[in-house]
């Protein structure tokens, strides 16, 4: 129940304050969101498998976002930011869909 309340509070605060993302941070935001979604789907899968650990989830969440942002930053510095961004999205997308399939199999027994 607490995560749902936290999500609702975050959405309301975002709508009320209408935050803006600095220009220098905008290329990294979509990658950070995809990395965070990977951690969330991994956590949901672990919960359904009965092996969820909050400490592991938090560390996975933060490290996914930081590593993905660093890879994109490195790509920007090397002049290949778009290619590395695509690579990060593809790799994390594969993991997200793998976790989503495992969740679906667990929930629907199919």
Protein backbone atom coordinates (compact mmCIF):
# COMPACT_ATOMS: atom_id res chain seq x y z
CA UNK A 1 0.00 0.00 0.00
CA UNK A 2 2.86 2.39 0.78
CA UNK A 3 4.36 2.16 -2.75
CA UNK A 4 0.97 2.97 -4.29
CA UNK A 5 0.55 5.99 -2.01
CA UNK A 6 4.10 7.10 -2.82
CA UNK A 7 3.43 6.81 -6.55
CA UNK A 8 0.19 8.77 -6.25
CA UNK A 9 1.91 11.46 -4.18
CA UNK A 10 4.73 11.69 -6.73
CA UNK A 11 2.30 12.07 -9.62
CA UNK A 12 0.32 14.78 -7.79
CA UNK A 13 3.49 16.69 -6.85
CA UNK A 14 4.74 16.44 -10.43
CA UNK A 15 1.48 17.85 -11.76
CA UNK A 16 1.33 20.64 -9.17
CA UNK A 17 4.95 21.82 -9.39
CA UNK A 18 5.48 21.03 -13.12
CA UNK A 19 9.25 20.52 -12.83
CA UNK A 20 11.51 21.20 -15.79
CA UNK A 21 14.55 19.14 -16.70
CA UNK A 22 17.74 21.11 -17.43
CA UNK A 23 18.90 20.92 -21.05
CA UNK A 24 22.16 19.18 -20.16
CA UNK A 25 20.23 16.42 -18.39
CA UNK A 26 17.58 15.78 -21.05
CA UNK A 27 19.54 13.20 -23.10
CA UNK A 28 20.00 11.05 -19.99
CA UNK A 29 16.43 11.10 -18.65
CA UNK A 30 14.88 8.54 -21.06
CA UNK A 31 17.77 6.16 -20.45
CA UNK A 32 17.42 6.57 -16.69
CA UNK A 33 13.68 5.85 -16.92
CA UNK A 34 14.27 2.66 -18.93
CA UNK A 35 16.95 1.56 -16.45
CA UNK A 36 14.59 2.24 -13.56
CA UNK A 37 11.82 0.25 -15.27
CA UNK A 38 14.23 -2.66 -15.64
CA UNK A 39 14.86 -2.62 -11.90
CA UNK A 40 11.13 -2.36 -11.13
CA UNK A 41 10.23 -5.30 -13.37
CA UNK A 42 13.12 -7.29 -11.91
CA UNK A 43 11.86 -6.51 -8.41
CA UNK A 44 8.32 -7.54 -9.30
CA UNK A 45 9.61 -10.81 -10.74
CA UNK A 46 11.71 -11.46 -7.64
CA UNK A 47 8.68 -10.76 -5.44
CA UNK A 48 6.58 -13.28 -7.33
CA UNK A 49 9.42 -15.82 -7.19
CA UNK A 50 9.65 -15.29 -3.42
CA UNK A 51 13.27 -14.07 -3.46
CA UNK A 52 12.72 -10.30 -3.17
CA UNK A 53 15.19 -8.39 -1.00
CA UNK A 54 14.64 -4.66 -0.51
CA UNK A 55 18.37 -3.91 -0.19
CA UNK A 56 19.13 -5.71 -3.44
CA UNK A 57 16.26 -3.86 -5.15
CA UNK A 58 17.45 -0.42 -4.07
CA UNK A 59 21.05 -1.15 -5.04
CA UNK A 60 19.90 -2.57 -8.39
CA UNK A 61 17.66 0.44 -9.03
CA UNK A 62 20.36 3.01 -8.30
CA UNK A 63 23.18 1.14 -10.03
CA UNK A 64 21.09 0.52 -13.18
CA UNK A 65 20.31 4.21 -13.50
CA UNK A 66 23.89 5.33 -12.78
CA UNK A 67 25.53 2.80 -15.11
CA UNK A 68 23.10 3.51 -17.96
CA UNK A 69 23.64 7.27 -17.59
CA UNK A 70 27.42 6.81 -17.49
CA UNK A 71 27.38 4.70 -20.65
CA UNK A 72 25.38 7.37 -22.46
CA UNK A 73 27.65 10.11 -21.08
CA UNK A 74 30.70 8.20 -22.29
CA UNK A 75 29.06 7.82 -25.69
CA UNK A 76 28.43 11.57 -25.82
CA UNK A 77 32.07 12.24 -24.99
CA UNK A 78 33.19 9.86 -27.75
CA UNK A 79 30.71 11.30 -30.24
CA UNK A 80 28.60 8.14 -30.47
CA UNK A 81 25.96 8.99 -27.87
CA UNK A 82 22.99 8.02 -30.06
CA UNK A 83 24.43 4.59 -30.82
CA UNK A 84 25.22 3.83 -27.18
CA UNK A 85 21.81 5.14 -26.11
CA UNK A 86 20.21 2.74 -28.56
CA UNK A 87 22.37 -0.12 -27.28
CA UNK A 88 21.40 0.59 -23.67
CA UNK A 89 17.70 0.75 -24.55
CA UNK A 90 17.91 -2.52 -26.51
CA UNK A 91 19.72 -4.39 -23.72
CA UNK A 92 17.43 -3.08 -20.99
CA UNK A 93 14.39 -3.62 -23.20
CA UNK A 94 15.32 -7.28 -23.61
CA UNK A 95 15.63 -7.61 -19.83
CA UNK A 96 12.31 -5.81 -19.26
CA UNK A 97 10.47 -8.08 -21.70
CA UNK A 98 12.12 -11.16 -20.19
CA UNK A 99 10.99 -10.14 -16.73
CA UNK A 100 7.51 -9.25 -18.04
CA UNK A 101 7.23 -12.70 -19.62
CA UNK A 102 8.26 -14.35 -16.35
CA UNK A 103 5.69 -12.27 -14.46
CA UNK A 104 3.01 -13.19 -17.00
CA UNK A 105 3.86 -16.90 -16.69
CA UNK A 106 3.70 -16.67 -12.93
CA UNK A 107 0.45 -14.70 -12.75
CA UNK A 108 -1.47 -16.47 -15.53
CA UNK A 109 0.26 -19.85 -15.28
CA UNK A 110 0.84 -19.68 -19.04
